[in-house]
mmCIF file of all heavy atoms, coordinates in Angstrom:
data_MODEL
# 
_entry.id   MODEL 
# 
loop_
_atom_site.group_PDB 
_atom_site.id 
_atom_site.type_symbol 
_atom_site.label_atom_id 
_atom_site.label_alt_id 
_atom_site.label_comp_id 
_atom_site.label_asym_id 
_atom_site.label_entity_id 
_atom_site.label_seq_id 
_atom_site.pdbx_PDB_ins_code 
_atom_site.Cartn_x 
_atom_site.Cartn_y 
_atom_site.Cartn_z 
_atom_site.occupancy 
_atom_site.B_iso_or_equiv 
_atom_site.pdbx_formal_charge 
_atom_site.auth_seq_id 
_atom_site.auth_comp_id 
_atom_site.auth_asym_id 
_atom_site.auth_atom_id 
_atom_site.pdbx_PDB_model_num 
ATOM 1   N N   . LYS A 1 1  ? -13.689 -92.076  68.971 1.00 0.00 ? 1  LYS A N   1 
ATOM 2   C CA  . LYS A 1 1  ? -12.887 -90.889  69.180 1.00 0.00 ? 1  LYS A CA  1 
ATOM 3   C C   . LYS A 1 1  ? -11.919 -91.019  70.342 1.00 0.00 ? 1  LYS A C   1 
ATOM 4   O O   . LYS A 1 1  ? -11.207 -90.069  70.673 1.00 0.00 ? 1  LYS A O   1 
ATOM 5   C CB  . LYS A 1 1  ? -13.781 -89.676  69.439 1.00 0.00 ? 1  LYS A CB  1 
ATOM 6   C CG  . LYS A 1 1  ? -14.670 -89.320  68.249 1.00 0.00 ? 1  LYS A CG  1 
ATOM 7   C CD  . LYS A 1 1  ? -15.514 -88.098  68.558 1.00 0.00 ? 1  LYS A CD  1 
ATOM 8   C CE  . LYS A 1 1  ? -16.371 -87.702  67.356 1.00 0.00 ? 1  LYS A CE  1 
ATOM 9   N NZ  . LYS A 1 1  ? -17.210 -86.530  67.655 1.00 0.00 ? 1  LYS A NZ  1 
ATOM 10  N N   . ASN A 1 2  ? -11.898 -92.202  70.970 1.00 0.00 ? 2  ASN A N   1 
ATOM 11  C CA  . ASN A 1 2  ? -11.045 -92.430  72.121 1.00 0.00 ? 2  ASN A CA  1 
ATOM 12  C C   . ASN A 1 2  ? -11.229 -91.334  73.174 1.00 0.00 ? 2  ASN A C   1 
ATOM 13  O O   . ASN A 1 2  ? -10.228 -90.796  73.697 1.00 0.00 ? 2  ASN A O   1 
ATOM 14  C CB  . ASN A 1 2  ? -9.566  -92.513  71.714 1.00 0.00 ? 2  ASN A CB  1 
ATOM 15  C CG  . ASN A 1 2  ? -9.167  -93.928  71.255 1.00 0.00 ? 2  ASN A CG  1 
ATOM 16  O OD1 . ASN A 1 2  ? -9.992  -94.746  70.890 1.00 0.00 ? 2  ASN A OD1 1 
ATOM 17  N ND2 . ASN A 1 2  ? -7.862  -94.170  71.268 1.00 0.00 ? 2  ASN A ND2 1 
ATOM 18  N N   . THR A 1 3  ? -12.476 -91.076  73.470 1.00 0.00 ? 3  THR A N   1 
ATOM 19  C CA  . THR A 1 3  ? -12.782 -89.974  74.364 1.00 0.00 ? 3  THR A CA  1 
ATOM 20  C C   . THR A 1 3  ? -13.815 -90.395  75.390 1.00 0.00 ? 3  THR A C   1 
ATOM 21  O O   . THR A 1 3  ? -14.774 -91.095  75.066 1.00 0.00 ? 3  THR A O   1 
ATOM 22  C CB  . THR A 1 3  ? -13.309 -88.762  73.594 1.00 0.00 ? 3  THR A CB  1 
ATOM 23  O OG1 . THR A 1 3  ? -12.329 -88.343  72.627 1.00 0.00 ? 3  THR A OG1 1 
ATOM 24  C CG2 . THR A 1 3  ? -13.595 -87.598  74.521 1.00 0.00 ? 3  THR A CG2 1 
ATOM 25  N N   . VAL A 1 4  ? -13.586 -89.975  76.614 1.00 0.00 ? 4  VAL A N   1 
ATOM 26  C CA  . VAL A 1 4  ? -14.582 -90.153  77.686 1.00 0.00 ? 4  VAL A CA  1 
ATOM 27  C C   . VAL A 1 4  ? -15.029 -88.795  78.138 1.00 0.00 ? 4  VAL A C   1 
ATOM 28  O O   . VAL A 1 4  ? -14.220 -87.852  78.217 1.00 0.00 ? 4  VAL A O   1 
ATOM 29  C CB  . VAL A 1 4  ? -13.990 -91.007  78.855 1.00 0.00 ? 4  VAL A CB  1 
ATOM 30  C CG1 . VAL A 1 4  ? -12.742 -90.348  79.433 1.00 0.00 ? 4  VAL A CG1 1 
ATOM 31  C CG2 . VAL A 1 4  ? -15.041 -91.233  79.906 1.00 0.00 ? 4  VAL A CG2 1 
ATOM 32  N N   . TYR A 1 5  ? -16.321 -88.685  78.438 1.00 0.00 ? 5  TYR A N   1 
ATOM 33  C CA  . TYR A 1 5  ? -16.894 -87.397  78.784 1.00 0.00 ? 5  TYR A CA  1 
ATOM 34  C C   . TYR A 1 5  ? -17.499 -87.486  80.203 1.00 0.00 ? 5  TYR A C   1 
ATOM 35  O O   . TYR A 1 5  ? -17.896 -88.538  80.687 1.00 0.00 ? 5  TYR A O   1 
ATOM 36  C CB  . TYR A 1 5  ? -18.012 -87.021  77.839 1.00 0.00 ? 5  TYR A CB  1 
ATOM 37  C CG  . TYR A 1 5  ? -17.600 -86.982  76.379 1.00 0.00 ? 5  TYR A CG  1 
ATOM 38  C CD1 . TYR A 1 5  ? -17.786 -88.067  75.537 1.00 0.00 ? 5  TYR A CD1 1 
ATOM 39  C CD2 . TYR A 1 5  ? -17.041 -85.824  75.851 1.00 0.00 ? 5  TYR A CD2 1 
ATOM 40  C CE1 . TYR A 1 5  ? -17.408 -88.033  74.210 1.00 0.00 ? 5  TYR A CE1 1 
ATOM 41  C CE2 . TYR A 1 5  ? -16.661 -85.774  74.525 1.00 0.00 ? 5  TYR A CE2 1 
ATOM 42  C CZ  . TYR A 1 5  ? -16.853 -86.869  73.714 1.00 0.00 ? 5  TYR A CZ  1 
ATOM 43  O OH  . TYR A 1 5  ? -16.492 -86.840  72.369 1.00 0.00 ? 5  TYR A OH  1 
ATOM 44  N N   . LEU A 1 6  ? -17.590 -86.340  80.807 1.00 0.00 ? 6  LEU A N   1 
ATOM 45  C CA  . LEU A 1 6  ? -18.324 -86.194  82.044 1.00 0.00 ? 6  LEU A CA  1 
ATOM 46  C C   . LEU A 1 6  ? -19.221 -84.978  81.926 1.00 0.00 ? 6  LEU A C   1 
ATOM 47  O O   . LEU A 1 6  ? -18.709 -83.845  81.926 1.00 0.00 ? 6  LEU A O   1 
ATOM 48  C CB  . LEU A 1 6  ? -17.397 -86.061  83.266 1.00 0.00 ? 6  LEU A CB  1 
ATOM 49  C CG  . LEU A 1 6  ? -18.087 -85.979  84.608 1.00 0.00 ? 6  LEU A CG  1 
ATOM 50  C CD1 . LEU A 1 6  ? -18.771 -87.354  84.927 1.00 0.00 ? 6  LEU A CD1 1 
ATOM 51  C CD2 . LEU A 1 6  ? -17.128 -85.599  85.720 1.00 0.00 ? 6  LEU A CD2 1 
ATOM 52  N N   . GLN A 1 7  ? -20.493 -85.221  81.769 1.00 0.00 ? 7  GLN A N   1 
ATOM 53  C CA  . GLN A 1 7  ? -21.457 -84.133  81.746 1.00 0.00 ? 7  GLN A CA  1 
ATOM 54  C C   . GLN A 1 7  ? -21.862 -83.807  83.152 1.00 0.00 ? 7  GLN A C   1 
ATOM 55  O O   . GLN A 1 7  ? -22.348 -84.676  83.897 1.00 0.00 ? 7  GLN A O   1 
ATOM 56  C CB  . GLN A 1 7  ? -22.682 -84.528  80.937 1.00 0.00 ? 7  GLN A CB  1 
ATOM 57  C CG  . GLN A 1 7  ? -23.775 -83.468  80.877 1.00 0.00 ? 7  GLN A CG  1 
ATOM 58  C CD  . GLN A 1 7  ? -23.351 -82.225  80.102 1.00 0.00 ? 7  GLN A CD  1 
ATOM 59  O OE1 . GLN A 1 7  ? -22.776 -82.323  79.024 1.00 0.00 ? 7  GLN A OE1 1 
ATOM 60  N NE2 . GLN A 1 7  ? -23.614 -81.055  80.680 1.00 0.00 ? 7  GLN A NE2 1 
ATOM 61  N N   . MET A 1 8  ? -21.656 -82.582  83.549 1.00 0.00 ? 8  MET A N   1 
ATOM 62  C CA  . MET A 1 8  ? -21.939 -82.160  84.908 1.00 0.00 ? 8  MET A CA  1 
ATOM 63  C C   . MET A 1 8  ? -23.023 -81.071  84.868 1.00 0.00 ? 8  MET A C   1 
ATOM 64  O O   . MET A 1 8  ? -22.844 -80.005  84.297 1.00 0.00 ? 8  MET A O   1 
ATOM 65  C CB  . MET A 1 8  ? -20.686 -81.613  85.597 1.00 0.00 ? 8  MET A CB  1 
ATOM 66  C CG  . MET A 1 8  ? -19.519 -82.607  85.574 1.00 0.00 ? 8  MET A CG  1 
ATOM 67  S SD  . MET A 1 8  ? -18.105 -82.012  86.564 1.00 0.00 ? 8  MET A SD  1 
ATOM 68  C CE  . MET A 1 8  ? -17.610 -80.604  85.545 1.00 0.00 ? 8  MET A CE  1 
ATOM 69  N N   . ASN A 1 9  ? -24.141 -81.378  85.486 1.00 0.00 ? 9  ASN A N   1 
ATOM 70  C CA  . ASN A 1 9  ? -25.242 -80.453  85.573 1.00 0.00 ? 9  ASN A CA  1 
ATOM 71  C C   . ASN A 1 9  ? -25.517 -80.098  87.022 1.00 0.00 ? 9  ASN A C   1 
ATOM 72  O O   . ASN A 1 9  ? -25.171 -80.834  87.942 1.00 0.00 ? 9  ASN A O   1 
ATOM 73  C CB  . ASN A 1 9  ? -26.499 -81.053  84.950 1.00 0.00 ? 9  ASN A CB  1 
ATOM 74  C CG  . ASN A 1 9  ? -26.349 -81.393  83.485 1.00 0.00 ? 9  ASN A CG  1 
ATOM 75  O OD1 . ASN A 1 9  ? -25.682 -80.673  82.733 1.00 0.00 ? 9  ASN A OD1 1 
ATOM 76  N ND2 . ASN A 1 9  ? -26.962 -82.479  83.067 1.00 0.00 ? 9  ASN A ND2 1 
ATOM 77  N N   . GLY A 1 10 ? -26.169 -78.995  87.235 1.00 0.00 ? 10 GLY A N   1 
ATOM 78  C CA  . GLY A 1 10 ? -26.519 -78.586  88.575 1.00 0.00 ? 10 GLY A CA  1 
ATOM 79  C C   . GLY A 1 10 ? -25.300 -78.462  89.481 1.00 0.00 ? 10 GLY A C   1 
ATOM 80  O O   . GLY A 1 10 ? -25.345 -78.932  90.617 1.00 0.00 ? 10 GLY A O   1 
ATOM 81  N N   . LEU A 1 11 ? -24.263 -77.852  88.973 1.00 0.00 ? 11 LEU A N   1 
ATOM 82  C CA  . LEU A 1 11 ? -23.009 -77.792  89.719 1.00 0.00 ? 11 LEU A CA  1 
ATOM 83  C C   . LEU A 1 11 ? -23.160 -76.987  91.003 1.00 0.00 ? 11 LEU A C   1 
ATOM 84  O O   . LEU A 1 11 ? -23.878 -76.005  91.069 1.00 0.00 ? 11 LEU A O   1 
ATOM 85  C CB  . LEU A 1 11 ? -21.925 -77.173  88.833 1.00 0.00 ? 11 LEU A CB  1 
ATOM 86  C CG  . LEU A 1 11 ? -21.378 -78.136  87.773 1.00 0.00 ? 11 LEU A CG  1 
ATOM 87  C CD1 . LEU A 1 11 ? -20.623 -77.360  86.682 1.00 0.00 ? 11 LEU A CD1 1 
ATOM 88  C CD2 . LEU A 1 11 ? -20.469 -79.191  88.405 1.00 0.00 ? 11 LEU A CD2 1 
ATOM 89  N N   . LYS A 1 12 ? -22.447 -77.457  91.999 1.00 0.00 ? 12 LYS A N   1 
ATOM 90  C CA  . LYS A 1 12 ? -22.454 -76.852  93.325 1.00 0.00 ? 12 LYS A CA  1 
ATOM 91  C C   . LYS A 1 12 ? -21.036 -76.400  93.687 1.00 0.00 ? 12 LYS A C   1 
ATOM 92  O O   . LYS A 1 12 ? -20.070 -76.936  93.158 1.00 0.00 ? 12 LYS A O   1 
ATOM 93  C CB  . LYS A 1 12 ? -22.943 -77.841  94.355 1.00 0.00 ? 12 LYS A CB  1 
ATOM 94  C CG  . LYS A 1 12 ? -24.307 -78.469  94.062 1.00 0.00 ? 12 LYS A CG  1 
ATOM 95  C CD  . LYS A 1 12 ? -24.650 -79.560  95.060 1.00 0.00 ? 12 LYS A CD  1 
ATOM 96  C CE  . LYS A 1 12 ? -25.983 -80.185  94.749 1.00 0.00 ? 12 LYS A CE  1 
ATOM 97  N NZ  . LYS A 1 12 ? -26.315 -81.273  95.712 1.00 0.00 ? 12 LYS A NZ  1 
ATOM 98  N N   . PRO A 1 13 ? -20.913 -75.441  94.602 1.00 0.00 ? 13 PRO A N   1 
ATOM 99  C CA  . PRO A 1 13 ? -19.568 -75.013  95.001 1.00 0.00 ? 13 PRO A CA  1 
ATOM 100 C C   . PRO A 1 13 ? -18.706 -76.186  95.474 1.00 0.00 ? 13 PRO A C   1 
ATOM 101 O O   . PRO A 1 13 ? -17.499 -76.154  95.249 1.00 0.00 ? 13 PRO A O   1 
ATOM 102 C CB  . PRO A 1 13 ? -19.876 -74.025  96.146 1.00 0.00 ? 13 PRO A CB  1 
ATOM 103 C CG  . PRO A 1 13 ? -21.182 -73.442  95.779 1.00 0.00 ? 13 PRO A CG  1 
ATOM 104 C CD  . PRO A 1 13 ? -21.970 -74.601  95.205 1.00 0.00 ? 13 PRO A CD  1 
ATOM 105 N N   . GLU A 1 14 ? -19.315 -77.173  96.126 1.00 0.00 ? 14 GLU A N   1 
ATOM 106 C CA  . GLU A 1 14 ? -18.525 -78.295  96.603 1.00 0.00 ? 14 GLU A CA  1 
ATOM 107 C C   . GLU A 1 14 ? -18.024 -79.208  95.505 1.00 0.00 ? 14 GLU A C   1 
ATOM 108 O O   . GLU A 1 14 ? -17.234 -80.144  95.745 1.00 0.00 ? 14 GLU A O   1 
ATOM 109 C CB  . GLU A 1 14 ? -19.345 -79.131  97.610 1.00 0.00 ? 14 GLU A CB  1 
ATOM 110 C CG  . GLU A 1 14 ? -20.725 -79.535  97.110 1.00 0.00 ? 14 GLU A CG  1 
ATOM 111 C CD  . GLU A 1 14 ? -21.821 -78.595  97.622 1.00 0.00 ? 14 GLU A CD  1 
ATOM 112 O OE1 . GLU A 1 14 ? -21.604 -77.361  97.573 1.00 0.00 ? 14 GLU A OE1 1 
ATOM 113 O OE2 . GLU A 1 14 ? -22.877 -79.093  98.045 1.00 0.00 ? 14 GLU A OE2 1 
ATOM 114 N N   . ASP A 1 15 ? -18.432 -78.961  94.261 1.00 0.00 ? 15 ASP A N   1 
ATOM 115 C CA  . ASP A 1 15 ? -17.906 -79.681  93.110 1.00 0.00 ? 15 ASP A CA  1 
ATOM 116 C C   . ASP A 1 15 ? -16.551 -79.093  92.675 1.00 0.00 ? 15 ASP A C   1 
ATOM 117 O O   . ASP A 1 15 ? -15.907 -79.675  91.784 1.00 0.00 ? 15 ASP A O   1 
ATOM 118 C CB  . ASP A 1 15 ? -18.882 -79.660  91.948 1.00 0.00 ? 15 ASP A CB  1 
ATOM 119 C CG  . ASP A 1 15 ? -20.157 -80.413  92.229 1.00 0.00 ? 15 ASP A CG  1 
ATOM 120 O OD1 . ASP A 1 15 ? -20.084 -81.492  92.829 1.00 0.00 ? 15 ASP A OD1 1 
ATOM 121 O OD2 . ASP A 1 15 ? -21.220 -79.921  91.856 1.00 0.00 ? 15 ASP A OD2 1 
ATOM 122 N N   . THR A 1 16 ? -16.166 -77.973  93.220 1.00 0.00 ? 16 THR A N   1 
ATOM 123 C CA  . THR A 1 16 ? -14.916 -77.344  92.856 1.00 0.00 ? 16 THR A CA  1 
ATOM 124 C C   . THR A 1 16 ? -13.764 -78.284  93.144 1.00 0.00 ? 16 THR A C   1 
ATOM 125 O O   . THR A 1 16 ? -13.594 -78.744  94.277 1.00 0.00 ? 16 THR A O   1 
ATOM 126 C CB  . THR A 1 16 ? -14.731 -76.032  93.598 1.00 0.00 ? 16 THR A CB  1 
ATOM 127 O OG1 . THR A 1 16 ? -15.748 -75.118  93.221 1.00 0.00 ? 16 THR A OG1 1 
ATOM 128 C CG2 . THR A 1 16 ? -13.366 -75.428  93.298 1.00 0.00 ? 16 THR A CG2 1 
ATOM 129 N N   . ALA A 1 17 ? -12.970 -78.566  92.129 1.00 0.00 ? 17 ALA A N   1 
ATOM 130 C CA  . ALA A 1 17 ? -11.860 -79.488  92.275 1.00 0.00 ? 17 ALA A CA  1 
ATOM 131 C C   . ALA A 1 17 ? -11.118 -79.588  90.950 1.00 0.00 ? 17 ALA A C   1 
ATOM 132 O O   . ALA A 1 17 ? -11.578 -79.094  89.919 1.00 0.00 ? 17 ALA A O   1 
ATOM 133 C CB  . ALA A 1 17 ? -12.341 -80.886  92.687 1.00 0.00 ? 17 ALA A CB  1 
ATOM 134 N N   . VAL A 1 18 ? -9.967  -80.207  91.001 1.00 0.00 ? 18 VAL A N   1 
ATOM 135 C CA  . VAL A 1 18 ? -9.285  -80.605  89.783 1.00 0.00 ? 18 VAL A CA  1 
ATOM 136 C C   . VAL A 1 18 ? -9.816  -81.964  89.409 1.00 0.00 ? 18 VAL A C   1 
ATOM 137 O O   . VAL A 1 18 ? -9.793  -82.899  90.225 1.00 0.00 ? 18 VAL A O   1 
ATOM 138 C CB  . VAL A 1 18 ? -7.752  -80.654  89.954 1.00 0.00 ? 18 VAL A CB  1 
ATOM 139 C CG1 . VAL A 1 18 ? -7.099  -81.196  88.698 1.00 0.00 ? 18 VAL A CG1 1 
ATOM 140 C CG2 . VAL A 1 18 ? -7.221  -79.278  90.296 1.00 0.00 ? 18 VAL A CG2 1 
ATOM 141 N N   . TYR A 1 19 ? -10.292 -82.096  88.219 1.00 0.00 ? 19 TYR A N   1 
ATOM 142 C CA  . TYR A 1 19 ? -10.888 -83.347  87.731 1.00 0.00 ? 19 TYR A CA  1 
ATOM 143 C C   . TYR A 1 19 ? -9.869  -84.090  86.856 1.00 0.00 ? 19 TYR A C   1 
ATOM 144 O O   . TYR A 1 19 ? -9.291  -83.523  85.957 1.00 0.00 ? 19 TYR A O   1 
ATOM 145 C CB  . TYR A 1 19 ? -12.157 -83.065  86.930 1.00 0.00 ? 19 TYR A CB  1 
ATOM 146 C CG  . TYR A 1 19 ? -13.323 -82.737  87.845 1.00 0.00 ? 19 TYR A CG  1 
ATOM 147 C CD1 . TYR A 1 19 ? -13.376 -81.512  88.499 1.00 0.00 ? 19 TYR A CD1 1 
ATOM 148 C CD2 . TYR A 1 19 ? -14.366 -83.647  88.063 1.00 0.00 ? 19 TYR A CD2 1 
ATOM 149 C CE1 . TYR A 1 19 ? -14.422 -81.193  89.338 1.00 0.00 ? 19 TYR A CE1 1 
ATOM 150 C CE2 . TYR A 1 19 ? -15.425 -83.328  88.882 1.00 0.00 ? 19 TYR A CE2 1 
ATOM 151 C CZ  . TYR A 1 19 ? -15.460 -82.110  89.546 1.00 0.00 ? 19 TYR A CZ  1 
ATOM 152 O OH  . TYR A 1 19 ? -16.507 -81.797  90.379 1.00 0.00 ? 19 TYR A OH  1 
ATOM 153 N N   . TYR A 1 20 ? -9.725  -85.359  87.140 1.00 0.00 ? 20 TYR A N   1 
ATOM 154 C CA  . TYR A 1 20 ? -8.742  -86.194  86.453 1.00 0.00 ? 20 TYR A CA  1 
ATOM 155 C C   . TYR A 1 20 ? -9.418  -87.346  85.725 1.00 0.00 ? 20 TYR A C   1 
ATOM 156 O O   . TYR A 1 20 ? -10.317 -87.983  86.253 1.00 0.00 ? 20 TYR A O   1 
ATOM 157 C CB  . TYR A 1 20 ? -7.740  -86.813  87.456 1.00 0.00 ? 20 TYR A CB  1 
ATOM 158 C CG  . TYR A 1 20 ? -6.917  -85.807  88.215 1.00 0.00 ? 20 TYR A CG  1 
ATOM 159 C CD1 . TYR A 1 20 ? -7.356  -85.265  89.424 1.00 0.00 ? 20 TYR A CD1 1 
ATOM 160 C CD2 . TYR A 1 20 ? -5.694  -85.370  87.696 1.00 0.00 ? 20 TYR A CD2 1 
ATOM 161 C CE1 . TYR A 1 20 ? -6.602  -84.350  90.122 1.00 0.00 ? 20 TYR A CE1 1 
ATOM 162 C CE2 . TYR A 1 20 ? -4.920  -84.471  88.380 1.00 0.00 ? 20 TYR A CE2 1 
ATOM 163 C CZ  . TYR A 1 20 ? -5.394  -83.956  89.589 1.00 0.00 ? 20 TYR A CZ  1 
ATOM 164 O OH  . TYR A 1 20 ? -4.605  -83.055  90.288 1.00 0.00 ? 20 TYR A OH  1 
ATOM 165 N N   . CYS A 1 21 ? -8.970  -87.584  84.544 1.00 0.00 ? 21 CYS A N   1 
ATOM 166 C CA  . CYS A 1 21 ? -9.403  -88.715  83.761 1.00 0.00 ? 21 CYS A CA  1 
ATOM 167 C C   . CYS A 1 21 ? -8.471  -89.898  84.037 1.00 0.00 ? 21 CYS A C   1 
ATOM 168 O O   . CYS A 1 21 ? -7.276  -89.739  84.179 1.00 0.00 ? 21 CYS A O   1 
ATOM 169 C CB  . CYS A 1 21 ? -9.379  -88.363  82.288 1.00 0.00 ? 21 CYS A CB  1 
ATOM 170 S SG  . CYS A 1 21 ? -9.762  -89.705  81.144 1.00 0.00 ? 21 CYS A SG  1 
ATOM 171 N N   . ARG A 1 22 ? -9.041  -91.087  84.122 1.00 0.00 ? 22 ARG A N   1 
ATOM 172 C CA  . ARG A 1 22 ? -8.258  -92.301  84.337 1.00 0.00 ? 22 ARG A CA  1 
ATOM 173 C C   . ARG A 1 22 ? -8.721  -93.374  83.381 1.00 0.00 ? 22 ARG A C   1 
ATOM 174 O O   . ARG A 1 22 ? -9.914  -93.592  83.219 1.00 0.00 ? 22 ARG A O   1 
ATOM 175 C CB  . ARG A 1 22 ? -8.394  -92.772  85.783 1.00 0.00 ? 22 ARG A CB  1 
ATOM 176 C CG  . ARG A 1 22 ? -7.581  -94.020  86.092 1.00 0.00 ? 22 ARG A CG  1 
ATOM 177 C CD  . ARG A 1 22 ? -8.004  -94.617  87.425 1.00 0.00 ? 22 ARG A CD  1 
ATOM 178 N NE  . ARG A 1 22 ? -7.236  -95.784  87.789 1.00 0.00 ? 22 ARG A NE  1 
ATOM 179 C CZ  . ARG A 1 22 ? -7.586  -96.684  88.694 1.00 0.00 ? 22 ARG A CZ  1 
ATOM 180 N NH1 . ARG A 1 22 ? -8.704  -96.521  89.373 1.00 0.00 ? 22 ARG A NH1 1 
ATOM 181 N NH2 . ARG A 1 22 ? -6.795  -97.734  88.941 1.00 0.00 ? 22 ARG A NH2 1 
ATOM 182 N N   . VAL A 1 23 ? -7.765  -94.042  82.777 1.00 0.00 ? 23 VAL A N   1 
ATOM 183 C CA  . VAL A 1 23 ? -8.025  -95.191  81.922 1.00 0.00 ? 23 VAL A CA  1 
ATOM 184 C C   . VAL A 1 23 ? -7.170  -96.327  82.411 1.00 0.00 ? 23 VAL A C   1 
ATOM 185 O O   . VAL A 1 23 ? -5.955  -96.184  82.533 1.00 0.00 ? 23 VAL A O   1 
ATOM 186 C CB  . VAL A 1 23 ? -7.719  -94.877  80.445 1.00 0.00 ? 23 VAL A CB  1 
ATOM 187 C CG1 . VAL A 1 23 ? -7.928  -96.111  79.577 1.00 0.00 ? 23 VAL A CG1 1 
ATOM 188 C CG2 . VAL A 1 23 ? -8.596  -93.729  79.932 1.00 0.00 ? 23 VAL A CG2 1 
ATOM 189 N N   . TRP A 1 24 ? -7.783  -97.458  82.696 1.00 0.00 ? 24 TRP A N   1 
ATOM 190 C CA  . TRP A 1 24 ? -7.035  -98.566  83.212 1.00 0.00 ? 24 TRP A CA  1 
ATOM 191 C C   . TRP A 1 24 ? -7.542  -99.915  82.747 1.00 0.00 ? 24 TRP A C   1 
ATOM 192 O O   . TRP A 1 24 ? -8.726  -100.064 82.382 1.00 0.00 ? 24 TRP A O   1 
ATOM 193 C CB  . TRP A 1 24 ? -6.967  -98.512  84.754 1.00 0.00 ? 24 TRP A CB  1 
ATOM 194 C CG  . TRP A 1 24 ? -8.243  -98.880  85.473 1.00 0.00 ? 24 TRP A CG  1 
ATOM 195 C CD1 . TRP A 1 24 ? -8.507  -100.061 86.061 1.00 0.00 ? 24 TRP A CD1 1 
ATOM 196 C CD2 . TRP A 1 24 ? -9.373  -98.059  85.706 1.00 0.00 ? 24 TRP A CD2 1 
ATOM 197 N NE1 . TRP A 1 24 ? -9.753  -100.034 86.676 1.00 0.00 ? 24 TRP A NE1 1 
ATOM 198 C CE2 . TRP A 1 24 ? -10.297 -98.799  86.469 1.00 0.00 ? 24 TRP A CE2 1 
ATOM 199 C CE3 . TRP A 1 24 ? -9.680  -96.718  85.383 1.00 0.00 ? 24 TRP A CE3 1 
ATOM 200 C CZ2 . TRP A 1 24 ? -11.524 -98.273  86.855 1.00 0.00 ? 24 TRP A CZ2 1 
ATOM 201 C CZ3 . TRP A 1 24 ? -10.898 -96.201  85.780 1.00 0.00 ? 24 TRP A CZ3 1 
ATOM 202 C CH2 . TRP A 1 24 ? -11.801 -96.977  86.541 1.00 0.00 ? 24 TRP A CH2 1 
ATOM 203 N N   . TYR A 1 25 ? -6.674  -100.889 82.809 1.00 0.00 ? 25 TYR A N   1 
ATOM 204 C CA  . TYR A 1 25 ? -7.008  -102.268 82.407 1.00 0.00 ? 25 TYR A CA  1 
ATOM 205 C C   . TYR A 1 25 ? -6.183  -103.143 83.313 1.00 0.00 ? 25 TYR A C   1 
ATOM 206 O O   . TYR A 1 25 ? -5.013  -103.445 83.044 1.00 0.00 ? 25 TYR A O   1 
ATOM 207 C CB  . TYR A 1 25 ? -6.706  -102.480 80.944 1.00 0.00 ? 25 TYR A CB  1 
ATOM 208 C CG  . TYR A 1 25 ? -7.235  -103.793 80.375 1.00 0.00 ? 25 TYR A CG  1 
ATOM 209 C CD1 . TYR A 1 25 ? -8.476  -104.273 80.711 1.00 0.00 ? 25 TYR A CD1 1 
ATOM 210 C CD2 . TYR A 1 25 ? -6.493  -104.514 79.442 1.00 0.00 ? 25 TYR A CD2 1 
ATOM 211 C CE1 . TYR A 1 25 ? -8.972  -105.464 80.201 1.00 0.00 ? 25 TYR A CE1 1 
ATOM 212 C CE2 . TYR A 1 25 ? -6.952  -105.680 78.913 1.00 0.00 ? 25 TYR A CE2 1 
ATOM 213 C CZ  . TYR A 1 25 ? -8.221  -106.162 79.258 1.00 0.00 ? 25 TYR A CZ  1 
ATOM 214 O OH  . TYR A 1 25 ? -8.712  -107.322 78.727 1.00 0.00 ? 25 TYR A OH  1 
ATOM 215 N N   . GLY A 1 26 ? -6.794  -103.577 84.390 1.00 0.00 ? 26 GLY A N   1 
ATOM 216 C CA  . GLY A 1 26 ? -6.083  -104.280 85.445 1.00 0.00 ? 26 GLY A CA  1 
ATOM 217 C C   . GLY A 1 26 ? -5.350  -105.544 85.038 1.00 0.00 ? 26 GLY A C   1 
ATOM 218 O O   . GLY A 1 26 ? -4.303  -105.861 85.600 1.00 0.00 ? 26 GLY A O   1 
ATOM 219 N N   . THR A 1 27 ? -5.883  -106.286 84.067 1.00 0.00 ? 27 THR A N   1 
ATOM 220 C CA  . THR A 1 27 ? -5.310  -107.553 83.656 1.00 0.00 ? 27 THR A CA  1 
ATOM 221 C C   . THR A 1 27 ? -3.842  -107.365 83.222 1.00 0.00 ? 27 THR A C   1 
ATOM 222 O O   . THR A 1 27 ? -3.006  -108.229 83.432 1.00 0.00 ? 27 THR A O   1 
ATOM 223 C CB  . THR A 1 27 ? -6.107  -108.191 82.537 1.00 0.00 ? 27 THR A CB  1 
ATOM 224 O OG1 . THR A 1 27 ? -7.446  -108.433 82.976 1.00 0.00 ? 27 THR A OG1 1 
ATOM 225 C CG2 . THR A 1 27 ? -5.476  -109.526 82.117 1.00 0.00 ? 27 THR A CG2 1 
ATOM 226 N N   . TYR A 1 28 ? -3.580  -106.233 82.594 1.00 0.00 ? 28 TYR A N   1 
ATOM 227 C CA  . TYR A 1 28 ? -2.255  -105.957 82.081 1.00 0.00 ? 28 TYR A CA  1 
ATOM 228 C C   . TYR A 1 28 ? -1.520  -104.872 82.875 1.00 0.00 ? 28 TYR A C   1 
ATOM 229 O O   . TYR A 1 28 ? -0.483  -104.378 82.436 1.00 0.00 ? 28 TYR A O   1 
ATOM 230 C CB  . TYR A 1 28 ? -2.300  -105.579 80.621 1.00 0.00 ? 28 TYR A CB  1 
ATOM 231 C CG  . TYR A 1 28 ? -2.828  -106.712 79.748 1.00 0.00 ? 28 TYR A CG  1 
ATOM 232 C CD1 . TYR A 1 28 ? -4.135  -106.734 79.303 1.00 0.00 ? 28 TYR A CD1 1 
ATOM 233 C CD2 . TYR A 1 28 ? -2.009  -107.783 79.393 1.00 0.00 ? 28 TYR A CD2 1 
ATOM 234 C CE1 . TYR A 1 28 ? -4.606  -107.786 78.540 1.00 0.00 ? 28 TYR A CE1 1 
ATOM 235 C CE2 . TYR A 1 28 ? -2.473  -108.837 78.625 1.00 0.00 ? 28 TYR A CE2 1 
ATOM 236 C CZ  . TYR A 1 28 ? -3.792  -108.830 78.198 1.00 0.00 ? 28 TYR A CZ  1 
ATOM 237 O OH  . TYR A 1 28 ? -4.260  -109.879 77.418 1.00 0.00 ? 28 TYR A OH  1 
# 
C-alpha cells in the first residue's frame, strides 16, 4: 500500500507536535 504507520499509545501532552513522514534512500 506504500504506506508507513505510526501507532501511538499512551499519549502524553509532551507528544503534542506536528508529525512528519519521511522517506529516503541515501544512495540516490
